[in-house]
Amino acid sequence: MPLSRIVMRLARNPGTEFAGGDDHRGYSLIAPLTADGHLDEGLYAKTKGECTVHRFAPDEDPADGRLARRGTRWYFDYEAGETEDDEPVHRLGEHRFAVGEYVTVTDEDGRPLTYKVVEVRPAAE
């Protein structure tokens, strides 16, 4: 499968200021997926320069970075060479990217927040 565009929006996060979710906060990724919707590690090794992340929120400047991997851990990297800006993604390699699935991202304040996959389509569209 070619590279996919994946959009995730902030889901309900009880106990936070986002208890009801927020459709205006989220991430857009370009990543290789297997036929069943998991990250394709083999294709990632060949296309990692094209694997990007875009973080958006109404009260923040958009942030553009890359999908990165260190060992078995996946994360979003916004400034090469720096680790303070990295956002770890809980078990990203195990997640299935399909509409309706959920993914947990640790934000810049160290809080794990849940996002819902709302779109998956070929990146070339």
PDB file of N, CA and C in Angstrom:
ATOM      1  N   MET A   1       0.850  -1.177   0.000  1.00  0.00           N
ATOM      2  CA  MET A   1       0.000   0.000   0.000  1.00  0.00           C
ATOM      3  C   MET A   1       0.892   1.235   0.000  1.00  0.00           C
ATOM      4  N   PRO A   2       0.558   2.269  -0.775  1.00  0.00           N
ATOM      5  CA  PRO A   2       1.368   3.491  -0.796  1.00  0.00           C
ATOM      6  C   PRO A   2       1.209   4.258   0.525  1.00  0.00           C
ATOM      7  N   LEU A   3       1.836   5.418   0.598  1.00  0.00           N
ATOM      8  CA  LEU A   3       1.697   6.243   1.791  1.00  0.00           C
ATOM      9  C   LEU A   3       0.250   6.683   1.969  1.00  0.00           C
ATOM     10  N   SER A   4      -0.150   6.789   3.231  1.00  0.00           N
ATOM     11  CA  SER A   4      -1.519   7.179   3.563  1.00  0.00           C
ATOM     12  C   SER A   4      -1.528   8.493   4.321  1.00  0.00           C
ATOM     13  N   ARG A   5      -2.607   9.217   4.164  1.00  0.00           N
ATOM     14  CA  ARG A   5      -2.843  10.425   4.963  1.00  0.00           C
ATOM     15  C   ARG A   5      -3.822  10.016   6.055  1.00  0.00           C
ATOM     16  N   ILE A   6      -3.433  10.234   7.305  1.00  0.00           N
ATOM     17  CA  ILE A   6      -4.228   9.852   8.464  1.00  0.00           C
ATOM     18  C   ILE A   6      -4.544  11.114   9.251  1.00  0.00           C
ATOM     19  N   VAL A   7      -5.809  11.349   9.543  1.00  0.00           N
ATOM     20  CA  VAL A   7      -6.196  12.503  10.347  1.00  0.00           C
ATOM     21  C   VAL A   7      -6.788  11.991  11.659  1.00  0.00           C
ATOM     22  N   MET A   8      -6.274  12.538  12.755  1.00  0.00           N
ATOM     23  CA  MET A   8      -6.761  12.191  14.090  1.00  0.00           C
ATOM     24  C   MET A   8      -7.191  13.479  14.780  1.00  0.00           C
ATOM     25  N   ARG A   9      -8.351  13.453  15.423  1.00  0.00           N
ATOM     26  CA  ARG A   9      -8.856  14.625  16.156  1.00  0.00           C
ATOM     27  C   ARG A   9      -9.020  14.263  17.618  1.00  0.00           C
ATOM     28  N   LEU A  10      -8.864  15.267  18.478  1.00  0.00           N
ATOM     29  CA  LEU A  10      -8.911  15.044  19.921  1.00  0.00           C
ATOM     30  C   LEU A  10     -10.250  14.462  20.333  1.00  0.00           C
ATOM     31  N   ALA A  11     -10.197  13.311  20.963  1.00  0.00           N
ATOM     32  CA  ALA A  11     -11.400  12.614  21.433  1.00  0.00           C
ATOM     33  C   ALA A  11     -11.746  13.084  22.845  1.00  0.00           C
ATOM     34  N   ARG A  12     -12.789  12.510  23.392  1.00  0.00           N
ATOM     35  CA  ARG A  12     -13.152  12.822  24.775  1.00  0.00           C
ATOM     36  C   ARG A  12     -12.012  12.389  25.697  1.00  0.00           C
ATOM     37  N   ASN A  13     -11.633  13.280  26.603  1.00  0.00           N
ATOM     38  CA  ASN A  13     -10.575  13.001  27.569  1.00  0.00           C
ATOM     39  C   ASN A  13     -11.060  13.427  28.945  1.00  0.00           C
ATOM     40  N   PRO A  14     -11.882  12.586  29.603  1.00  0.00           N
ATOM     41  CA  PRO A  14     -12.417  12.927  30.924  1.00  0.00           C
ATOM     42  C   PRO A  14     -11.299  13.300  31.903  1.00  0.00           C
ATOM     43  N   GLY A  15     -11.589  14.275  32.757  1.00  0.00           N
ATOM     44  CA  GLY A  15     -10.615  14.704  33.745  1.00  0.00           C
ATOM     45  C   GLY A  15      -9.648  15.756  33.239  1.00  0.00           C
ATOM     46  N   THR A  16      -9.819  16.184  31.994  1.00  0.00           N
ATOM     47  CA  THR A  16      -8.991  17.252  31.426  1.00  0.00           C
ATOM     48  C   THR A  16      -9.912  18.361  30.935  1.00  0.00           C
ATOM     49  N   GLU A  17      -9.329  19.448  30.477  1.00  0.00           N
ATOM     50  CA  GLU A  17     -10.145  20.521  29.892  1.00  0.00           C
ATOM     51  C   GLU A  17     -10.778  20.100  28.562  1.00  0.00           C
ATOM     52  N   PHE A  18     -10.429  18.913  28.090  1.00  0.00           N
ATOM     53  CA  PHE A  18     -10.970  18.383  26.834  1.00  0.00           C
ATOM     54  C   PHE A  18     -11.927  17.223  27.096  1.00  0.00           C
ATOM     55  N   ALA A  19     -12.682  17.314  28.165  1.00  0.00           N
ATOM     56  CA  ALA A  19     -13.592  16.229  28.554  1.00  0.00           C
ATOM     57  C   ALA A  19     -14.550  15.857  27.426  1.00  0.00           C
ATOM     58  N   GLY A  20     -14.964  16.837  26.629  1.00  0.00           N
ATOM     59  CA  GLY A  20     -15.884  16.574  25.527  1.00  0.00           C
ATOM     60  C   GLY A  20     -15.201  16.386  24.193  1.00  0.00           C
ATOM     61  N   GLY A  21     -13.867  16.420  24.164  1.00  0.00           N
ATOM     62  CA  GLY A  21     -13.130  16.329  22.907  1.00  0.00           C
ATOM     63  C   GLY A  21     -13.034  17.688  22.244  1.00  0.00           C
ATOM     64  N   ASP A  22     -12.356  17.758  21.119  1.00  0.00           N
ATOM     65  CA  ASP A  22     -12.211  19.007  20.377  1.00  0.00           C
ATOM     66  C   ASP A  22     -11.831  18.671  18.938  1.00  0.00           C
ATOM     67  N   ASP A  23     -12.771  18.840  18.019  1.00  0.00           N
ATOM     68  CA  ASP A  23     -12.525  18.534  16.605  1.00  0.00           C
ATOM     69  C   ASP A  23     -11.533  19.483  15.943  1.00  0.00           C
ATOM     70  N   HIS A  24     -11.181  20.574  16.625  1.00  0.00           N
ATOM     71  CA  HIS A  24     -10.256  21.549  16.052  1.00  0.00           C
ATOM     72  C   HIS A  24      -8.812  21.314  16.478  1.00  0.00           C
ATOM     73  N   ARG A  25      -8.573  20.256  17.239  1.00  0.00           N
ATOM     74  CA  ARG A  25      -7.224  19.886  17.687  1.00  0.00           C
ATOM     75  C   ARG A  25      -6.907  18.495  17.172  1.00  0.00           C
ATOM     76  N   GLY A  26      -5.719  18.337  16.647  1.00  0.00           N
ATOM     77  CA  GLY A  26      -5.375  17.004  16.190  1.00  0.00           C
ATOM     78  C   GLY A  26      -4.083  16.942  15.420  1.00  0.00           C
ATOM     79  N   TYR A  27      -3.982  15.874  14.648  1.00  0.00           N
ATOM     80  CA  TYR A  27      -2.786  15.577  13.877  1.00  0.00           C
ATOM     81  C   TYR A  27      -3.173  15.081  12.495  1.00  0.00           C
ATOM     82  N   SER A  28      -2.343  15.413  11.537  1.00  0.00           N
ATOM     83  CA  SER A  28      -2.435  14.848  10.201  1.00  0.00           C
ATOM     84  C   SER A  28      -1.083  14.199   9.924  1.00  0.00           C
ATOM     85  N   LEU A  29      -1.102  12.920   9.581  1.00  0.00           N
ATOM     86  CA  LEU A  29       0.130  12.171   9.341  1.00  0.00           C
ATOM     87  C   LEU A  29       0.199  11.684   7.909  1.00  0.00           C
ATOM     88  N   ILE A  30       1.397  11.561   7.416  1.00  0.00           N
ATOM     89  CA  ILE A  30       1.664  10.826   6.180  1.00  0.00           C
ATOM     90  C   ILE A  30       2.535   9.648   6.608  1.00  0.00           C
ATOM     91  N   ALA A  31       2.025   8.435   6.398  1.00  0.00           N
ATOM     92  CA  ALA A  31       2.736   7.239   6.863  1.00  0.00           C
ATOM     93  C   ALA A  31       2.365   6.041   5.993  1.00  0.00           C
ATOM     94  N   PRO A  32       3.260   5.046   5.927  1.00  0.00           N
ATOM     95  CA  PRO A  32       2.944   3.819   5.192  1.00  0.00           C
ATOM     96  C   PRO A  32       2.146   2.860   6.071  1.00  0.00           C
ATOM     97  N   LEU A  33       1.097   2.305   5.517  1.00  0.00           N
ATOM     98  CA  LEU A  33       0.273   1.359   6.256  1.00  0.00           C
ATOM     99  C   LEU A  33       0.220   0.018   5.531  1.00  0.00           C
ATOM    100  N   THR A  34       0.087  -1.029   6.306  1.00  0.00           N
ATOM    101  CA  THR A  34      -0.130  -2.351   5.737  1.00  0.00           C
ATOM    102  C   THR A  34      -1.591  -2.435   5.279  1.00  0.00           C
ATOM    103  N   ALA A  35      -1.942  -3.509   4.606  1.00  0.00           N
ATOM    104  CA  ALA A  35      -3.315  -3.683   4.124  1.00  0.00           C
ATOM    105  C   ALA A  35      -4.323  -3.702   5.268  1.00  0.00           C
ATOM    106  N   ASP A  36      -3.890  -4.125   6.470  1.00  0.00           N
ATOM    107  CA  ASP A  36      -4.822  -4.156   7.603  1.00  0.00           C
ATOM    108  C   ASP A  36      -4.758  -2.899   8.473  1.00  0.00           C
ATOM    109  N   GLY A  37      -4.016  -1.865   8.029  1.00  0.00           N
ATOM    110  CA  GLY A  37      -4.037  -0.567   8.702  1.00  0.00           C
ATOM    111  C   GLY A  37      -2.982  -0.330   9.759  1.00  0.00           C
ATOM    112  N   HIS A  38      -1.986  -1.197   9.867  1.00  0.00           N
ATOM    113  CA  HIS A  38      -0.897  -0.977  10.822  1.00  0.00           C
ATOM    114  C   HIS A  38       0.270  -0.289  10.120  1.00  0.00           C
ATOM    115  N   LEU A  39       1.127   0.372  10.904  1.00  0.00           N
ATOM    116  CA  LEU A  39       2.311   0.974  10.308  1.00  0.00           C
ATOM    117  C   LEU A  39       3.153  -0.107   9.650  1.00  0.00           C
ATOM    118  N   ASP A  40       3.590   0.159   8.437  1.00  0.00           N
ATOM    119  CA  ASP A  40       4.409  -0.773   7.673  1.00  0.00           C
ATOM    120  C   ASP A  40       5.876  -0.432   7.925  1.00  0.00           C
ATOM    121  N   GLU A  41       6.514  -1.179   8.829  1.00  0.00           N
ATOM    122  CA  GLU A  41       7.886  -0.887   9.228  1.00  0.00           C
ATOM    123  C   GLU A  41       8.871  -0.999   8.062  1.00  0.00           C
ATOM    124  N   GLY A  42       8.675  -1.982   7.207  1.00  0.00           N
ATOM    125  CA  GLY A  42       9.565  -2.157   6.058  1.00  0.00           C
ATOM    126  C   GLY A  42       9.486  -0.990   5.097  1.00  0.00           C
ATOM    127  N   LEU A  43       8.281  -0.557   4.779  1.00  0.00           N
ATOM    128  CA  LEU A  43       8.113   0.577   3.875  1.00  0.00           C
ATOM    129  C   LEU A  43       8.536   1.877   4.556  1.00  0.00           C
ATOM    130  N   TYR A  44       8.341   1.970   5.866  1.00  0.00           N
ATOM    131  CA  TYR A  44       8.797   3.160   6.589  1.00  0.00           C
ATOM    132  C   TYR A  44      10.309   3.336   6.419  1.00  0.00           C
ATOM    133  N   ALA A  45      11.063   2.247   6.507  1.00  0.00           N
ATOM    134  CA  ALA A  45      12.515   2.328   6.367  1.00  0.00           C
ATOM    135  C   ALA A  45      12.916   2.921   5.017  1.00  0.00           C
ATOM    136  N   LYS A  46      12.082   2.691   4.001  1.00  0.00           N
ATOM    137  CA  LYS A  46      12.374   3.193   2.655  1.00  0.00           C
ATOM    138  C   LYS A  46      11.823   4.587   2.408  1.00  0.00           C
ATOM    139  N   THR A  47      10.818   5.006   3.184  1.00  0.00           N
ATOM    140  CA  THR A  47      10.126   6.277   2.912  1.00  0.00           C
ATOM    141  C   THR A  47      10.140   7.241   4.087  1.00  0.00           C
ATOM    142  N   LYS A  48      10.979   7.002   5.104  1.00  0.00           N
ATOM    143  CA  LYS A  48      10.883   7.816   6.319  1.00  0.00           C
ATOM    144  C   LYS A  48      11.057   9.306   6.067  1.00  0.00           C
ATOM    145  N   GLY A  49      11.745   9.683   5.019  1.00  0.00           N
ATOM    146  CA  GLY A  49      11.879  11.103   4.683  1.00  0.00           C
ATOM    147  C   GLY A  49      10.564  11.738   4.241  1.00  0.00           C
ATOM    148  N   GLU A  50       9.616  10.917   3.841  1.00  0.00           N
ATOM    149  CA  GLU A  50       8.308  11.401   3.406  1.00  0.00           C
ATOM    150  C   GLU A  50       7.242  11.285   4.499  1.00  0.00           C
ATOM    151  N   CYS A  51       7.593  10.695   5.629  1.00  0.00           N
ATOM    152  CA  CYS A  51       6.635  10.439   6.716  1.00  0.00           C
ATOM    153  C   CYS A  51       6.585  11.654   7.635  1.00  0.00           C
ATOM    154  N   THR A  52       5.512  12.400   7.552  1.00  0.00           N
ATOM    155  CA  THR A  52       5.409  13.672   8.253  1.00  0.00           C
ATOM    156  C   THR A  52       4.262  13.689   9.249  1.00  0.00           C
ATOM    157  N   VAL A  53       4.294  14.691  10.105  1.00  0.00           N
ATOM    158  CA  VAL A  53       3.219  14.950  11.056  1.00  0.00           C
ATOM    159  C   VAL A  53       2.954  16.453  11.069  1.00  0.00           C
ATOM    160  N   HIS A  54       1.692  16.792  11.156  1.00  0.00           N
ATOM    161  CA  HIS A  54       1.262  18.188  11.263  1.00  0.00           C
ATOM    162  C   HIS A  54       0.310  18.264  12.451  1.00  0.00           C
ATOM    163  N   ARG A  55       0.682  19.032  13.480  1.00  0.00           N
ATOM    164  CA  ARG A  55      -0.162  19.199  14.665  1.00  0.00           C
ATOM    165  C   ARG A  55      -0.921  20.514  14.529  1.00  0.00           C
ATOM    166  N   PHE A  56      -2.231  20.472  14.793  1.00  0.00           N
ATOM    167  CA  PHE A  56      -3.032  21.691  14.683  1.00  0.00           C
ATOM    168  C   PHE A  56      -3.921  21.875  15.901  1.00  0.00           C
ATOM    169  N   ALA A  57      -4.111  23.128  16.273  1.00  0.00           N
ATOM    170  CA  ALA A  57      -4.982  23.510  17.384  1.00  0.00           C
ATOM    171  C   ALA A  57      -5.307  24.991  17.202  1.00  0.00           C
ATOM    172  N   PRO A  58      -6.516  25.422  17.570  1.00  0.00           N
ATOM    173  CA  PRO A  58      -6.920  26.805  17.325  1.00  0.00           C
ATOM    174  C   PRO A  58      -6.127  27.846  18.120  1.00  0.00           C
ATOM    175  N   ASP A  59      -5.577  27.470  19.259  1.00  0.00           N
ATOM    176  CA  ASP A  59      -4.868  28.432  20.102  1.00  0.00           C
ATOM    177  C   ASP A  59      -3.347  28.250  20.066  1.00  0.00           C
ATOM    178  N   GLU A  60      -2.848  27.522  19.083  1.00  0.00           N
ATOM    179  CA  GLU A  60      -1.413  27.282  18.933  1.00  0.00           C
ATOM    180  C   GLU A  60      -1.008  27.462  17.477  1.00  0.00           C
ATOM    181  N   ASP A  61       0.258  27.809  17.280  1.00  0.00           N
ATOM    182  CA  ASP A  61       0.777  27.808  15.916  1.00  0.00           C
ATOM    183  C   ASP A  61       0.857  26.354  15.456  1.00  0.00           C
ATOM    184  N   PRO A  62       0.556  26.095  14.188  1.00  0.00           N
ATOM    185  CA  PRO A  62       0.697  24.717  13.692  1.00  0.00           C
ATOM    186  C   PRO A  62       2.153  24.267  13.821  1.00  0.00           C
ATOM    187  N   ALA A  63       2.352  22.991  14.039  1.00  0.00           N
ATOM    188  CA  ALA A  63       3.700  22.431  14.151  1.00  0.00           C
ATOM    189  C   ALA A  63       3.861  21.331  13.112  1.00  0.00           C
ATOM    190  N   ASP A  64       4.920  21.425  12.339  1.00  0.00           N
ATOM    191  CA  ASP A  64       5.225  20.416  11.331  1.00  0.00           C
ATOM    192  C   ASP A  64       6.483  19.667  11.735  1.00  0.00           C
ATOM    193  N   GLY A  65       6.431  18.352  11.597  1.00  0.00           N
ATOM    194  CA  GLY A  65       7.572  17.529  11.957  1.00  0.00           C
ATOM    195  C   GLY A  65       7.573  16.249  11.159  1.00  0.00           C
ATOM    196  N   ARG A  66       8.145  15.229  11.772  1.00  0.00           N
ATOM    197  CA  ARG A  66       8.260  13.945  11.080  1.00  0.00           C
ATOM    198  C   ARG A  66       7.862  12.819  12.015  1.00  0.00           C
ATOM    199  N   LEU A  67       7.407  11.743  11.416  1.00  0.00           N
ATOM    200  CA  LEU A  67       7.156  10.503  12.139  1.00  0.00           C
ATOM    201  C   LEU A  67       8.513   9.834  12.287  1.00  0.00           C
ATOM    202  N   ALA A  68       8.897   9.513  13.514  1.00  0.00           N
ATOM    203  CA  ALA A  68      10.223   8.956  13.751  1.00  0.00           C
ATOM    204  C   ALA A  68      10.117   7.706  14.618  1.00  0.00           C
ATOM    205  N   ARG A  69      11.210   6.958  14.604  1.00  0.00           N
ATOM    206  CA  ARG A  69      11.245   5.703  15.351  1.00  0.00           C
ATOM    207  C   ARG A  69      12.619   5.541  15.963  1.00  0.00           C
ATOM    208  N   ARG A  70      12.635   5.141  17.230  1.00  0.00           N
ATOM    209  CA  ARG A  70      13.877   4.842  17.932  1.00  0.00           C
ATOM    210  C   ARG A  70      13.677   3.479  18.576  1.00  0.00           C
ATOM    211  N   GLY A  71      14.363   2.465  18.069  1.00  0.00           N
ATOM    212  CA  GLY A  71      14.128   1.095  18.545  1.00  0.00           C
ATOM    213  C   GLY A  71      12.730   0.666  18.159  1.00  0.00           C
ATOM    214  N   THR A  72      11.926   0.300  19.151  1.00  0.00           N
ATOM    215  CA  THR A  72      10.544  -0.094  18.879  1.00  0.00           C
ATOM    216  C   THR A  72       9.567   1.040  19.170  1.00  0.00           C
ATOM    217  N   ARG A  73      10.070   2.186  19.634  1.00  0.00           N
ATOM    218  CA  ARG A  73       9.211   3.304  20.027  1.00  0.00           C
ATOM    219  C   ARG A  73       9.054   4.307  18.891  1.00  0.00           C
ATOM    220  N   TRP A  74       7.804   4.665  18.620  1.00  0.00           N
ATOM    221  CA  TRP A  74       7.478   5.667  17.613  1.00  0.00           C
ATOM    222  C   TRP A  74       7.197   6.981  18.315  1.00  0.00           C
ATOM    223  N   TYR A  75       7.495   8.085  17.655  1.00  0.00           N
ATOM    224  CA  TYR A  75       7.212   9.396  18.219  1.00  0.00           C
ATOM    225  C   TYR A  75       7.120  10.432  17.108  1.00  0.00           C
ATOM    226  N   PHE A  76       6.577  11.599  17.473  1.00  0.00           N
ATOM    227  CA  PHE A  76       6.517  12.726  16.550  1.00  0.00           C
ATOM    228  C   PHE A  76       7.676  13.649  16.917  1.00  0.00           C
ATOM    229  N   ASP A  77       8.493  13.993  15.935  1.00  0.00           N
ATOM    230  CA  ASP A  77       9.684  14.816  16.145  1.00  0.00           C
ATOM    231  C   ASP A  77       9.512  16.118  15.374  1.00  0.00           C
ATOM    232  N   TYR A  78       9.568  17.233  16.087  1.00  0.00           N
ATOM    233  CA  TYR A  78       9.342  18.527  15.451  1.00  0.00           C
ATOM    234  C   TYR A  78      10.617  19.302  15.167  1.00  0.00           C
ATOM    235  N   GLU A  79      11.721  18.940  15.811  1.00  0.00           N
ATOM    236  CA  GLU A  79      12.989  19.614  15.542  1.00  0.00           C
ATOM    237  C   GLU A  79      14.098  18.574  15.596  1.00  0.00           C
ATOM    238  N   ALA A  80      14.679  18.290  14.447  1.00  0.00           N
ATOM    239  CA  ALA A  80      15.723  17.265  14.371  1.00  0.00           C
ATOM    240  C   ALA A  80      16.848  17.573  15.349  1.00  0.00           C
ATOM    241  N   GLY A  81      17.305  16.540  16.034  1.00  0.00           N
ATOM    242  CA  GLY A  81      18.412  16.703  16.969  1.00  0.00           C
ATOM    243  C   GLY A  81      17.990  17.096  18.370  1.00  0.00           C
ATOM    244  N   GLU A  82      16.784  17.555  18.554  1.00  0.00           N
ATOM    245  CA  GLU A  82      16.274  17.935  19.873  1.00  0.00           C
ATOM    246  C   GLU A  82      15.344  16.835  20.375  1.00  0.00           C
ATOM    247  N   THR A  83      15.351  16.580  21.669  1.00  0.00           N
ATOM    248  CA  THR A  83      14.442  15.582  22.210  1.00  0.00           C
ATOM    249  C   THR A  83      13.336  16.205  23.050  1.00  0.00           C
ATOM    250  N   GLU A  84      13.497  17.474  23.456  1.00  0.00           N
ATOM    251  CA  GLU A  84      12.495  18.130  24.295  1.00  0.00           C
ATOM    252  C   GLU A  84      11.156  18.287  23.585  1.00  0.00           C
ATOM    253  N   ASP A  85      11.166  18.369  22.275  1.00  0.00           N
ATOM    254  CA  ASP A  85       9.931  18.601  21.518  1.00  0.00           C
ATOM    255  C   ASP A  85       9.266  17.306  21.053  1.00  0.00           C
ATOM    256  N   ASP A  86       9.872  16.164  21.334  1.00  0.00           N
ATOM    257  CA  ASP A  86       9.326  14.888  20.877  1.00  0.00           C
ATOM    258  C   ASP A  86       8.030  14.558  21.610  1.00  0.00           C
ATOM    259  N   GLU A  87       7.074  14.006  20.873  1.00  0.00           N
ATOM    260  CA  GLU A  87       5.814  13.556  21.454  1.00  0.00           C
ATOM    261  C   GLU A  87       5.720  12.039  21.275  1.00  0.00           C
ATOM    262  N   PRO A  88       5.904  11.283  22.358  1.00  0.00           N
ATOM    263  CA  PRO A  88       5.782   9.828  22.258  1.00  0.00           C
ATOM    264  C   PRO A  88       4.339   9.418  21.968  1.00  0.00           C
ATOM    265  N   VAL A  89       4.188   8.363  21.217  1.00  0.00           N
ATOM    266  CA  VAL A  89       2.861   7.850  20.901  1.00  0.00           C
ATOM    267  C   VAL A  89       2.769   6.447  21.480  1.00  0.00           C
ATOM    268  N   HIS A  90       1.830   6.252  22.387  1.00  0.00           N
ATOM    269  CA  HIS A  90       1.692   4.992  23.117  1.00  0.00           C
ATOM    270  C   HIS A  90       1.393   3.835  22.158  1.00  0.00           C
ATOM    271  N   ARG A  91       2.315   2.891  22.084  1.00  0.00           N
ATOM    272  CA  ARG A  91       2.151   1.675  21.280  1.00  0.00           C
ATOM    273  C   ARG A  91       1.725   1.941  19.841  1.00  0.00           C
ATOM    274  N   LEU A  92       2.302   2.970  19.238  1.00  0.00           N
ATOM    275  CA  LEU A  92       1.892   3.348  17.884  1.00  0.00           C
ATOM    276  C   LEU A  92       2.036   2.198  16.897  1.00  0.00           C
ATOM    277  N   GLY A  93       3.077   1.405  17.040  1.00  0.00           N
ATOM    278  CA  GLY A  93       3.289   0.283  16.131  1.00  0.00           C
ATOM    279  C   GLY A  93       2.230  -0.802  16.237  1.00  0.00           C
ATOM    280  N   GLU A  94       1.467  -0.808  17.332  1.00  0.00           N
ATOM    281  CA  GLU A  94       0.421  -1.809  17.524  1.00  0.00           C
ATOM    282  C   GLU A  94      -0.961  -1.312  17.093  1.00  0.00           C
ATOM    283  N   HIS A  95      -1.082   0.006  16.905  1.00  0.00           N
ATOM    284  CA  HIS A  95      -2.390   0.571  16.565  1.00  0.00           C
ATOM    285  C   HIS A  95      -2.793   0.255  15.129  1.00  0.00           C
ATOM    286  N   ARG A  96      -4.065   0.134  14.951  1.00  0.00           N
ATOM    287  CA  ARG A  96      -4.639  -0.031  13.622  1.00  0.00           C
ATOM    288  C   ARG A  96      -5.223   1.318  13.229  1.00  0.00           C
ATOM    289  N   PHE A  97      -4.754   1.847  12.124  1.00  0.00           N
ATOM    290  CA  PHE A  97      -5.243   3.136  11.652  1.00  0.00           C
ATOM    291  C   PHE A  97      -6.428   2.912  10.730  1.00  0.00           C
ATOM    292  N   ALA A  98      -7.594   2.988  11.329  1.00  0.00           N
ATOM    293  CA  ALA A  98      -8.857   2.863  10.613  1.00  0.00           C
ATOM    294  C   ALA A  98      -9.812   3.855  11.261  1.00  0.00           C
ATOM    295  N   VAL A  99     -10.726   4.376  10.470  1.00  0.00           N
ATOM    296  CA  VAL A  99     -11.682   5.341  10.990  1.00  0.00           C
ATOM    297  C   VAL A  99     -12.404   4.743  12.193  1.00  0.00           C
ATOM    298  N   GLY A 100     -12.444   5.519  13.279  1.00  0.00           N
ATOM    299  CA  GLY A 100     -13.098   5.086  14.503  1.00  0.00           C
ATOM    300  C   GLY A 100     -12.157   4.524  15.551  1.00  0.00           C
ATOM    301  N   GLU A 101     -10.923   4.202  15.186  1.00  0.00           N
ATOM    302  CA  GLU A 101      -9.945   3.691  16.146  1.00  0.00           C
ATOM    303  C   GLU A 101      -9.371   4.864  16.964  1.00  0.00           C
ATOM    304  N   TYR A 102      -8.748   4.548  18.110  1.00  0.00           N
ATOM    305  CA  TYR A 102      -8.200   5.568  19.004  1.00  0.00           C
ATOM    306  C   TYR A 102      -6.699   5.400  19.164  1.00  0.00           C
ATOM    307  N   VAL A 103      -5.995   6.538  19.333  1.00  0.00           N
ATOM    308  CA  VAL A 103      -4.548   6.572  19.498  1.00  0.00           C
ATOM    309  C   VAL A 103      -4.244   7.543  20.636  1.00  0.00           C
ATOM    310  N   THR A 104      -3.314   7.184  21.517  1.00  0.00           N
ATOM    311  CA  THR A 104      -2.916   8.056  22.617  1.00  0.00           C
ATOM    312  C   THR A 104      -1.582   8.704  22.307  1.00  0.00           C
ATOM    313  N   VAL A 105      -1.546  10.036  22.399  1.00  0.00           N
ATOM    314  CA  VAL A 105      -0.334  10.815  22.167  1.00  0.00           C
ATOM    315  C   VAL A 105      -0.019  11.565  23.455  1.00  0.00           C
ATOM    316  N   THR A 106       1.237  11.547  23.883  1.00  0.00           N
ATOM    317  CA  THR A 106       1.656  12.313  25.051  1.00  0.00           C
ATOM    318  C   THR A 106       2.014  13.709  24.582  1.00  0.00           C
ATOM    319  N   ASP A 107       1.289  14.714  25.090  1.00  0.00           N
ATOM    320  CA  ASP A 107       1.507  16.086  24.613  1.00  0.00           C
ATOM    321  C   ASP A 107       2.786  16.683  25.206  1.00  0.00           C
ATOM    322  N   GLU A 108       3.068  17.931  24.819  1.00  0.00           N
ATOM    323  CA  GLU A 108       4.299  18.595  25.242  1.00  0.00           C
ATOM    324  C   GLU A 108       4.365  18.810  26.754  1.00  0.00           C
ATOM    325  N   ASP A 109       3.217  18.716  27.442  1.00  0.00           N
ATOM    326  CA  ASP A 109       3.190  18.838  28.897  1.00  0.00           C
ATOM    327  C   ASP A 109       3.273  17.484  29.596  1.00  0.00           C
ATOM    328  N   GLY A 110       3.455  16.405  28.827  1.00  0.00           N
ATOM    329  CA  GLY A 110       3.576  15.075  29.396  1.00  0.00           C
ATOM    330  C   GLY A 110       2.254  14.379  29.680  1.00  0.00           C
ATOM    331  N   ARG A 111       1.138  14.956  29.215  1.00  0.00           N
ATOM    332  CA  ARG A 111      -0.177  14.348  29.437  1.00  0.00           C
ATOM    333  C   ARG A 111      -0.535  13.406  28.300  1.00  0.00           C
ATOM    334  N   PRO A 112      -0.972  12.197  28.611  1.00  0.00           N
ATOM    335  CA  PRO A 112      -1.459  11.318  27.545  1.00  0.00           C
ATOM    336  C   PRO A 112      -2.887  11.746  27.169  1.00  0.00           C
ATOM    337  N   LEU A 113      -3.094  12.069  25.895  1.00  0.00           N
ATOM    338  CA  LEU A 113      -4.412  12.466  25.401  1.00  0.00           C
ATOM    339  C   LEU A 113      -4.830  11.511  24.279  1.00  0.00           C
ATOM    340  N   THR A 114      -6.110  11.203  24.247  1.00  0.00           N
ATOM    341  CA  THR A 114      -6.634  10.258  23.270  1.00  0.00           C
ATOM    342  C   THR A 114      -7.182  10.996  22.055  1.00  0.00           C
ATOM    343  N   TYR A 115      -6.836  10.472  20.875  1.00  0.00           N
ATOM    344  CA  TYR A 115      -7.291  11.027  19.593  1.00  0.00           C
ATOM    345  C   TYR A 115      -8.038   9.933  18.835  1.00  0.00           C
ATOM    346  N   LYS A 116      -9.016  10.358  18.063  1.00  0.00           N
ATOM    347  CA  LYS A 116      -9.799   9.421  17.263  1.00  0.00           C
ATOM    348  C   LYS A 116      -9.400   9.564  15.791  1.00  0.00           C
ATOM    349  N   VAL A 117      -9.168   8.437  15.129  1.00  0.00           N
ATOM    350  CA  VAL A 117      -8.860   8.449  13.702  1.00  0.00           C
ATOM    351  C   VAL A 117     -10.158   8.768  12.955  1.00  0.00           C
ATOM    352  N   VAL A 118     -10.146   9.865  12.206  1.00  0.00           N
ATOM    353  CA  VAL A 118     -11.357  10.289  11.499  1.00  0.00           C
ATOM    354  C   VAL A 118     -11.218  10.182   9.976  1.00  0.00           C
ATOM    355  N   GLU A 119      -9.998   9.963   9.502  1.00  0.00           N
ATOM    356  CA  GLU A 119      -9.808   9.863   8.052  1.00  0.00           C
ATOM    357  C   GLU A 119      -8.536   9.058   7.750  1.00  0.00           C
ATOM    358  N   VAL A 120      -8.623   8.164   6.789  1.00  0.00           N
ATOM    359  CA  VAL A 120      -7.472   7.432   6.262  1.00  0.00           C
ATOM    360  C   VAL A 120      -7.707   7.317   4.765  1.00  0.00           C
ATOM    361  N   ARG A 121      -6.763   7.842   3.997  1.00  0.00           N
ATOM    362  CA  ARG A 121      -6.871   7.763   2.538  1.00  0.00           C
ATOM    363  C   ARG A 121      -5.469   7.825   1.929  1.00  0.00           C
ATOM    364  N   PRO A 122      -5.344   7.441   0.675  1.00  0.00           N
ATOM    365  CA  PRO A 122      -4.026   7.539   0.038  1.00  0.00           C
ATOM    366  C   PRO A 122      -3.517   8.979   0.070  1.00  0.00           C
ATOM    367  N   ALA A 123      -2.236   9.142   0.368  1.00  0.00           N
ATOM    368  CA  ALA A 123      -1.652  10.476   0.477  1.00  0.00           C
ATOM    369  C   ALA A 123      -1.632  11.211  -0.851  1.00  0.00           C
ATOM    370  N   ALA A 124      -1.650  10.493  -1.951  1.00  0.00           N
ATOM    371  CA  ALA A 124      -1.574  11.117  -3.268  1.00  0.00           C
ATOM    372  C   ALA A 124      -2.868  11.814  -3.681  1.00  0.00           C
ATOM    373  N   GLU A 125      -3.972  11.585  -2.978  1.00  0.00           N
ATOM    374  CA  GLU A 125      -5.249  12.211  -3.350  1.00  0.00           C
ATOM    375  C   GLU A 125      -5.244  13.691  -3.074  1.00  0.00           C
TER     376      GLU A 125
END
